[in-house]
Amino acid sequence: MKNLCTPHDHLLSRREWLGASTVGAASLGASGMLAQPAIAEELRKNDKQVLFIWLDGGMSQLESWDPKPNTTFGGPFRAIPTKVPGIHISELLPKTASQMDKLVLVRSLCTQDNSHSAGVDRIQRGDPKNRGVTYPYLGSAVSKLMGPCSSGMPPYVWIKPMSGGFITKDAGFLGPKYGAIAFGDGKAPENLLRPDSVSLEADLARNELREKLDKTYRLTRRKESSEASSTVFDMAAKLQKRIDLFDQSKIPSKDLERYGITEFGRHMLQARRMLEAGVRFVKVTSYGWDTHGDNFNGHLSLVPKVDMAFSAMLEDLQQRGMLDNVLVILMSEFGRTPRINGHLGRDHWPEAWSLAMAGCGLKKGLASGKTNKLGTAVEGDAHDIGSMFHV
């Protein structure tokens, strides 16, 4: 399968990409407007938020948003109708099918990066090339643009499996204070609470001394490391006041059942709580989608977990009146090949793939773009990351 993208498909700049995504999602205009102060102020004033669901490794579009049943490369799964007449998705997504009237599917993505690292950097940083400058992740850029949360919560939260902590590298050239705070397995960072052996008075005195030493340090040395340290302390102090957000016992059992008694379900529930608390940008990561082998059993295991949690999230955001102000994006770094390899797997395929979005004034109940009968190429206009939000 040869590269099917044409050069003009990749001409959008990073500024256009960020402008298209954040500003376009807020129904505020065309790409390239991110730098305008009036736009940034409008976003801050309206408390727009982003839920970025990242399926790391590459979700197959053929087993999700763009099925091709009964074709050479279609695989074993059927396509099922959705709530929107004429739009069909994989039978692995029955609950999401009932929420299709809230969704936008983009089936005409055509990107040029066939490796995980370049694909991730193009989408999450807006630039896959090493130019001697580290570009910030989307969450950091949104944090910079929109400013502090009015709720006092950290602006950029990452919910992921395994360990957590403060991820300064996400911020790139913006500086460490715009990095992510990661909640490993959705839990509060370790050692967040003040030990019982330290009194409140002693803790306040220690913090006052730290701030004085920090100011002295900044006078003679580079401020980046000091700024990162101060940011961590400040975030910890704010999170200590919202430790209730991490109390799993307060989650109703019916919510746990709706989202799924799975790692991903728990993480999506935690993401909802973070959005309700006012976090600007919440990223949820699911791993294990790089199905070079046993693709169909892999997706048979993974997709239903996403189906439960994603559909429940859309329903909850709508019922709470939040969906108009929360941009929801579900995607990977690329799709997977229509051709099935010798290990019953699908390989990397950036040439014709799909994503799902909802909220923030986007059109509803829409499937934008199409691929050919076998899913090997986009028919009509192909879209790179820079233009995918102009739906």
Protein backbone atom coordinates (compact mmCIF):
# COMPACT_ATOMS: atom_id res chain seq x y z
CA MET A 1 0.00 0.00 0.00
CA LYS A 2 1.65 3.19 -1.13
CA ASN A 3 1.42 6.63 0.43
CA LEU A 4 -1.82 8.16 -0.76
CA CYS A 5 -1.50 11.68 0.66
CA THR A 6 -0.55 14.59 -1.53
CA PRO A 7 1.93 17.26 -0.37
CA HIS A 8 -0.67 20.02 0.00
CA ASP A 9 -2.43 17.93 2.64
CA HIS A 10 0.38 18.72 5.10
CA LEU A 11 0.86 22.46 4.73
CA LEU A 12 -0.95 23.69 7.85
CA SER A 13 1.31 25.28 10.41
CA ARG A 14 1.37 24.61 14.13
CA ARG A 15 -0.38 27.94 14.77
CA GLU A 16 -3.15 26.96 12.36
CA TRP A 17 -3.43 23.55 14.00
CA LEU A 18 -3.82 24.93 17.50
CA GLY A 19 -6.09 27.69 16.29
CA ALA A 20 -8.29 25.29 14.40
CA SER A 21 -8.62 22.87 17.29
CA THR A 22 -9.19 25.10 20.29
CA VAL A 23 -10.81 28.12 18.67
CA GLY A 24 -12.78 26.21 16.07
CA ALA A 25 -14.16 23.92 18.74
CA ALA A 26 -15.41 26.94 20.64
CA SER A 27 -17.20 28.18 17.49
CA LEU A 28 -15.06 31.29 17.43
CA GLY A 29 -13.59 31.37 13.96
CA ALA A 30 -10.97 30.13 11.58
CA SER A 31 -7.51 28.71 12.06
CA GLY A 32 -4.59 30.90 12.99
CA MET A 33 -6.58 33.02 15.46
CA LEU A 34 -5.16 31.46 18.60
CA ALA A 35 -2.76 34.31 19.19
CA GLN A 36 -5.46 36.99 19.23
CA PRO A 37 -6.05 38.24 22.80
CA ALA A 38 -9.79 38.67 22.27
CA ILE A 39 -10.16 35.00 21.35
CA ALA A 40 -8.15 33.84 24.36
CA GLU A 41 -10.24 36.06 26.63
CA GLU A 42 -13.47 34.67 25.18
CA LEU A 43 -12.29 31.11 25.85
CA ARG A 44 -11.35 31.96 29.43
CA LYS A 45 -14.59 33.81 30.05
CA ASN A 46 -16.69 30.89 28.89
CA ASP A 47 -14.68 28.29 30.82
CA LYS A 48 -14.26 25.97 27.85
CA GLN A 49 -12.74 22.58 28.64
CA VAL A 50 -11.20 19.70 26.70
CA LEU A 51 -11.45 15.95 27.28
CA PHE A 52 -8.74 14.31 25.18
CA ILE A 53 -9.06 10.51 25.07
CA TRP A 54 -5.89 8.99 23.67
CA LEU A 55 -5.88 5.34 22.53
CA ASP A 56 -2.16 4.80 22.38
CA GLY A 57 -0.78 2.56 19.64
CA GLY A 58 -3.40 3.03 16.95
CA MET A 59 -7.07 2.07 17.12
CA SER A 60 -8.31 0.34 13.99
CA GLN A 61 -10.83 2.45 12.11
CA LEU A 62 -12.17 -0.74 10.53
CA GLU A 63 -13.07 -2.14 13.95
CA SER A 64 -14.58 1.13 15.12
CA TRP A 65 -15.73 4.18 13.12
CA ASP A 66 -15.36 3.07 9.49
CA PRO A 67 -16.17 -0.64 9.17
CA LYS A 68 -15.98 -2.40 5.81
CA PRO A 69 -17.87 -5.67 6.35
CA ASN A 70 -17.96 -8.34 3.66
CA THR A 71 -14.95 -6.90 1.84
CA THR A 72 -11.47 -8.31 1.26
CA PHE A 73 -9.97 -6.62 4.32
CA GLY A 74 -13.14 -6.05 6.34
CA GLY A 75 -12.52 -8.54 9.12
CA PRO A 76 -15.09 -10.56 11.07
CA PHE A 77 -17.21 -7.81 12.63
CA ARG A 78 -20.49 -6.41 11.33
CA ALA A 79 -21.49 -2.79 10.85
CA ILE A 80 -24.54 -1.70 12.85
CA PRO A 81 -26.90 1.24 12.42
CA THR A 82 -26.67 4.17 14.82
CA LYS A 83 -29.18 6.66 16.16
CA VAL A 84 -28.48 8.76 13.06
CA PRO A 85 -30.00 7.20 9.92
CA GLY A 86 -27.39 6.28 7.32
CA ILE A 87 -24.41 6.22 9.69
CA HIS A 88 -23.08 2.78 10.61
CA ILE A 89 -20.22 1.90 12.96
CA SER A 90 -18.70 -1.36 14.22
CA GLU A 91 -20.85 -3.78 16.17
CA LEU A 92 -18.22 -3.49 18.92
CA LEU A 93 -19.67 -0.02 19.73
CA PRO A 94 -23.39 -0.62 20.36
CA LYS A 95 -23.72 1.84 23.26
CA THR A 96 -21.88 4.56 21.36
CA ALA A 97 -24.16 3.92 18.38
CA SER A 98 -27.05 5.10 20.56
CA GLN A 99 -25.13 8.35 21.24
CA MET A 100 -24.31 9.06 17.58
CA ASP A 101 -26.62 12.08 17.58
CA LYS A 102 -24.04 13.82 19.81
CA LEU A 103 -20.98 12.84 17.76
CA VAL A 104 -18.95 13.96 14.78
CA LEU A 105 -16.95 11.26 13.00
CA VAL A 106 -14.08 12.30 10.74
CA ARG A 107 -13.38 9.43 8.32
CA SER A 108 -11.00 11.26 6.01
CA LEU A 109 -7.81 11.71 8.02
CA CYS A 110 -4.63 11.37 5.98
CA THR A 111 -1.39 12.00 7.85
CA GLN A 112 2.18 11.25 6.88
CA ASP A 113 3.72 9.74 10.02
CA ASN A 114 4.02 5.96 10.11
CA SER A 115 5.93 5.70 13.40
CA HIS A 116 4.47 6.06 16.87
CA SER A 117 6.85 8.81 17.98
CA ALA A 118 6.29 11.01 14.92
CA GLY A 119 2.55 10.36 14.94
CA VAL A 120 2.23 11.28 18.61
CA ASP A 121 4.33 14.42 18.19
CA ARG A 122 2.40 15.59 15.13
CA ILE A 123 -0.95 15.25 16.86
CA GLN A 124 -0.17 16.08 20.47
CA ARG A 125 2.60 18.64 19.86
CA GLY A 126 1.63 19.81 16.40
CA ASP A 127 5.12 19.19 15.00
CA PRO A 128 6.86 15.81 14.52
CA LYS A 129 10.24 17.22 13.52
CA ASN A 130 13.23 17.89 15.75
CA ARG A 131 13.89 21.59 15.15
CA GLY A 132 16.03 22.12 18.23
CA VAL A 133 12.97 23.37 20.12
CA THR A 134 10.63 21.21 22.18
CA TYR A 135 7.05 22.10 21.33
CA PRO A 136 4.41 21.86 24.08
CA TYR A 137 1.74 19.22 24.18
CA LEU A 138 -1.80 20.30 23.39
CA GLY A 139 -2.76 20.28 27.06
CA SER A 140 0.07 22.65 27.93
CA ALA A 141 -0.82 24.96 25.04
CA VAL A 142 -4.46 25.09 26.15
CA SER A 143 -3.32 25.79 29.72
CA LYS A 144 -1.20 28.70 28.51
CA LEU A 145 -3.95 30.06 26.29
CA MET A 146 -6.82 29.82 28.73
CA GLY A 147 -5.01 30.65 31.95
CA PRO A 148 -5.59 29.32 35.47
CA CYS A 149 -8.79 27.51 36.36
CA SER A 150 -11.29 29.67 38.19
CA SER A 151 -11.87 26.64 40.43
CA GLY A 152 -8.25 26.65 41.61
CA MET A 153 -7.67 23.18 40.11
CA PRO A 154 -4.60 22.41 37.99
CA PRO A 155 -5.26 23.42 34.37
CA TYR A 156 -3.83 20.23 32.78
CA VAL A 157 -4.50 16.79 34.25
CA TRP A 158 -3.42 13.47 32.75
CA ILE A 159 -5.12 10.27 33.94
CA LYS A 160 -3.11 7.20 32.99
CA PRO A 161 -2.19 3.69 34.04
CA MET A 162 0.83 3.11 36.28
CA SER A 163 2.71 5.94 37.97
CA GLY A 164 1.81 9.63 38.13
CA GLY A 165 3.51 12.86 39.11
CA PHE A 166 4.31 16.24 37.61
CA ILE A 167 5.29 15.94 33.91
CA THR A 168 7.30 19.09 33.14
CA LYS A 169 8.48 17.93 29.70
CA ASP A 170 4.94 18.20 28.33
CA ALA A 171 5.20 21.98 28.47
CA GLY A 172 8.17 22.29 26.11
CA PHE A 173 9.27 25.87 25.53
CA LEU A 174 6.30 27.26 27.49
CA GLY A 175 8.04 26.41 30.74
CA PRO A 176 7.44 23.79 33.41
CA LYS A 177 4.52 25.50 35.10
CA TYR A 178 2.37 24.50 32.13
CA GLY A 179 3.22 20.81 32.43
CA ALA A 180 0.73 18.07 33.23
CA ILE A 181 0.02 16.65 36.63
CA ALA A 182 -0.50 12.94 36.09
CA PHE A 183 -2.75 10.85 38.29
CA GLY A 184 -1.38 7.33 38.05
CA ASP A 185 -4.30 4.90 37.92
CA GLY A 186 -6.51 7.91 38.62
CA LYS A 187 -5.21 8.23 42.17
CA ALA A 188 -3.90 11.28 43.97
CA PRO A 189 -0.11 11.81 43.75
CA GLU A 190 1.86 9.98 46.42
CA ASN A 191 2.62 11.89 49.61
CA LEU A 192 0.11 14.59 48.73
CA LEU A 193 -1.27 14.98 52.24
CA ARG A 194 0.60 16.51 55.14
CA PRO A 195 1.93 13.78 57.46
CA ASP A 196 0.22 13.57 60.83
CA SER A 197 3.60 14.08 62.48
CA VAL A 198 3.87 17.60 60.97
CA SER A 199 1.59 20.24 62.45
CA LEU A 200 -0.23 22.75 60.28
CA GLU A 201 1.83 25.57 61.81
CA ALA A 202 5.09 23.81 61.04
CA ASP A 203 3.96 23.09 57.50
CA LEU A 204 3.08 26.74 56.89
CA ALA A 205 6.43 27.86 58.31
CA ARG A 206 8.30 25.42 56.05
CA ASN A 207 6.44 26.67 53.02
CA GLU A 208 7.18 30.30 53.91
CA LEU A 209 10.89 29.48 54.22
CA ARG A 210 10.82 27.65 50.89
CA GLU A 211 9.30 30.66 49.16
CA LYS A 212 11.95 32.99 50.57
CA LEU A 213 14.79 30.69 49.50
CA ASP A 214 13.19 30.30 46.10
CA LYS A 215 13.14 34.06 45.51
CA THR A 216 16.82 34.30 46.46
CA TYR A 217 17.68 31.38 44.16
CA ARG A 218 15.97 33.03 41.19
CA LEU A 219 18.08 36.17 41.51
CA THR A 220 21.30 34.40 40.51
CA ARG A 221 20.27 31.23 38.65
CA ARG A 222 18.05 30.06 35.84
CA LYS A 223 14.50 30.09 37.07
CA GLU A 224 13.11 27.05 35.21
CA SER A 225 13.89 24.42 37.83
CA SER A 226 12.82 26.70 40.67
CA GLU A 227 9.61 27.55 38.83
CA ALA A 228 8.84 23.86 38.36
CA SER A 229 9.38 23.17 42.05
CA SER A 230 7.19 26.09 43.10
CA THR A 231 4.46 25.00 40.72
CA VAL A 232 4.43 21.51 42.20
CA PHE A 233 4.13 22.87 45.73
CA ASP A 234 1.34 25.25 44.71
CA MET A 235 -0.60 22.51 42.92
CA ALA A 236 -0.17 20.16 45.88
CA ALA A 237 -1.59 22.80 48.22
CA LYS A 238 -4.64 23.24 46.00
CA LEU A 239 -5.18 19.50 45.56
CA GLN A 240 -5.01 18.96 49.32
CA LYS A 241 -8.21 20.99 49.54
CA ARG A 242 -9.89 18.71 46.96
CA ILE A 243 -8.70 15.34 48.15
CA ASP A 244 -12.35 14.24 48.09
CA LEU A 245 -12.08 14.02 44.30
CA PHE A 246 -9.95 10.90 44.69
CA ASP A 247 -12.26 9.09 47.10
CA GLN A 248 -13.50 6.15 45.04
CA SER A 249 -15.97 5.17 47.77
CA LYS A 250 -18.08 8.22 46.94
CA ILE A 251 -18.74 7.07 43.38
CA PRO A 252 -22.25 5.56 43.08
CA SER A 253 -22.21 1.88 42.15
CA LYS A 254 -24.56 2.56 39.23
CA ASP A 255 -21.94 4.91 37.73
CA LEU A 256 -19.25 2.27 38.09
CA GLU A 257 -21.48 -0.20 36.29
CA ARG A 258 -22.34 2.26 33.52
CA TYR A 259 -18.71 3.19 32.85
CA GLY A 260 -17.53 -0.39 33.24
CA ILE A 261 -15.70 -2.16 36.07
CA THR A 262 -12.43 -1.77 34.18
CA GLU A 263 -9.30 0.34 34.42
CA PHE A 264 -10.46 2.52 31.54
CA GLY A 265 -13.93 2.88 33.04
CA ARG A 266 -12.48 4.04 36.37
CA HIS A 267 -10.19 6.50 34.62
CA MET A 268 -13.04 7.98 32.58
CA LEU A 269 -15.11 8.39 35.73
CA GLN A 270 -12.19 10.19 37.33
CA ALA A 271 -11.95 12.37 34.22
CA ARG A 272 -15.61 13.33 34.58
CA ARG A 273 -15.00 14.35 38.18
CA MET A 274 -12.04 16.48 37.10
CA LEU A 275 -14.15 18.21 34.46
CA GLU A 276 -16.87 18.82 37.02
CA ALA A 277 -14.22 20.33 39.31
CA GLY A 278 -13.23 22.79 36.57
CA VAL A 279 -9.99 21.36 35.13
CA ARG A 280 -9.30 22.98 31.74
CA PHE A 281 -7.73 20.04 29.92
CA VAL A 282 -8.13 16.40 30.94
CA LYS A 283 -6.25 13.70 29.05
CA VAL A 284 -7.10 10.02 29.51
CA THR A 285 -4.72 7.46 28.03
CA SER A 286 -5.46 3.82 27.23
CA TYR A 287 -2.60 1.56 26.14
CA GLY A 288 -2.42 -1.68 24.16
CA TRP A 289 -3.82 -0.64 20.78
CA ASP A 290 -0.77 -1.53 18.64
CA THR A 291 -2.27 -4.74 17.27
CA HIS A 292 0.31 -6.00 14.78
CA GLY A 293 -0.76 -9.47 15.87
CA ASP A 294 -4.18 -10.88 16.75
CA ASN A 295 -5.88 -7.61 15.86
CA PHE A 296 -9.43 -8.91 16.03
CA ASN A 297 -9.22 -10.51 19.45
CA GLY A 298 -7.33 -7.45 20.63
CA HIS A 299 -10.08 -5.09 19.54
CA LEU A 300 -12.75 -7.51 20.76
CA SER A 301 -11.22 -7.02 24.22
CA LEU A 302 -10.44 -3.29 24.04
CA VAL A 303 -13.25 -1.63 22.11
CA PRO A 304 -16.18 -2.71 24.35
CA LYS A 305 -14.42 -1.09 27.33
CA VAL A 306 -14.17 2.16 25.40
CA ASP A 307 -17.76 1.78 24.22
CA MET A 308 -19.14 1.62 27.76
CA ALA A 309 -17.11 4.46 29.23
CA PHE A 310 -17.23 6.78 26.21
CA SER A 311 -20.99 6.48 25.76
CA ALA A 312 -21.58 7.00 29.49
CA MET A 313 -19.36 10.09 29.44
CA LEU A 314 -21.28 11.62 26.52
CA GLU A 315 -24.57 10.92 28.25
CA ASP A 316 -23.41 12.44 31.54
CA LEU A 317 -21.93 15.57 29.98
CA GLN A 318 -25.18 16.13 28.10
CA GLN A 319 -27.37 15.57 31.18
CA ARG A 320 -25.23 17.92 33.27
CA GLY A 321 -25.41 20.68 30.67
CA MET A 322 -21.63 20.51 30.15
CA LEU A 323 -21.32 19.21 26.60
CA ASP A 324 -21.69 22.65 24.99
CA ASN A 325 -18.57 23.79 26.85
CA VAL A 326 -16.48 20.60 26.76
CA LEU A 327 -14.71 19.51 23.58
CA VAL A 328 -14.43 15.71 23.57
CA ILE A 329 -11.84 14.11 21.27
CA LEU A 330 -11.18 10.37 20.94
CA MET A 331 -8.31 9.36 18.70
CA SER A 332 -4.92 7.65 18.23
CA GLU A 333 -1.71 8.61 16.44
CA PHE A 334 -2.88 6.82 13.26
CA GLY A 335 -5.19 4.04 12.13
CA ARG A 336 -4.38 0.51 11.06
CA THR A 337 -3.85 -1.08 7.67
CA PRO A 338 -6.82 -2.50 5.82
CA ARG A 339 -4.57 -5.35 4.70
CA ILE A 340 -4.33 -8.11 7.30
CA ASN A 341 -0.79 -9.36 7.89
CA GLY A 342 0.44 -12.92 8.44
CA HIS A 343 -0.09 -12.65 12.19
CA LEU A 344 -3.78 -11.77 11.81
CA GLY A 345 -2.83 -8.22 12.71
CA ARG A 346 -3.11 -4.80 11.17
CA ASP A 347 -0.06 -2.55 10.90
CA HIS A 348 0.32 1.26 11.07
CA TRP A 349 -1.81 3.20 8.58
CA PRO A 350 -1.79 7.01 8.52
CA GLU A 351 -3.24 7.17 5.00
CA ALA A 352 -6.97 6.83 5.69
CA TRP A 353 -8.28 6.71 9.23
CA SER A 354 -10.85 8.15 11.64
CA LEU A 355 -11.54 9.94 14.91
CA ALA A 356 -14.59 10.91 16.95
CA MET A 357 -15.44 14.28 18.50
CA ALA A 358 -18.31 15.90 20.34
CA GLY A 359 -19.31 19.06 22.16
CA CYS A 360 -18.32 22.72 22.15
CA GLY A 361 -20.65 23.77 19.36
CA LEU A 362 -19.57 21.13 16.84
CA LYS A 363 -22.18 19.80 14.47
CA LYS A 364 -23.96 16.74 15.80
CA GLY A 365 -24.84 13.44 14.21
CA LEU A 366 -22.36 13.81 11.37
CA ALA A 367 -19.92 11.50 9.57
CA SER A 368 -17.53 13.74 7.64
CA GLY A 369 -15.49 12.35 4.76
CA LYS A 370 -15.32 8.83 3.39
CA THR A 371 -12.91 6.15 2.31
CA ASN A 372 -13.09 3.82 -0.66
CA LYS A 373 -14.72 0.40 -0.59
CA LEU A 374 -11.65 -1.33 0.87
CA GLY A 375 -10.70 1.50 3.21
CA THR A 376 -7.30 1.95 1.58
CA ALA A 377 -7.70 5.61 0.59
CA VAL A 378 -9.73 8.71 1.28
CA GLU A 379 -12.26 9.59 -1.39
CA GLY A 380 -12.51 13.31 -2.02
CA ASP A 381 -10.79 15.79 0.27
CA ALA A 382 -8.34 14.31 2.76
CA HIS A 383 -7.66 16.11 6.03
CA ASP A 384 -4.51 16.44 8.08
CA ILE A 385 -4.57 17.20 11.78
CA GLY A 386 -4.53 20.94 11.14
CA SER A 387 -7.92 20.99 9.50
CA MET A 388 -9.75 18.16 11.20
CA PHE A 389 -11.69 20.43 13.57
CA HIS A 390 -13.37 22.44 10.79
CA VAL A 391 -16.32 20.06 10.68
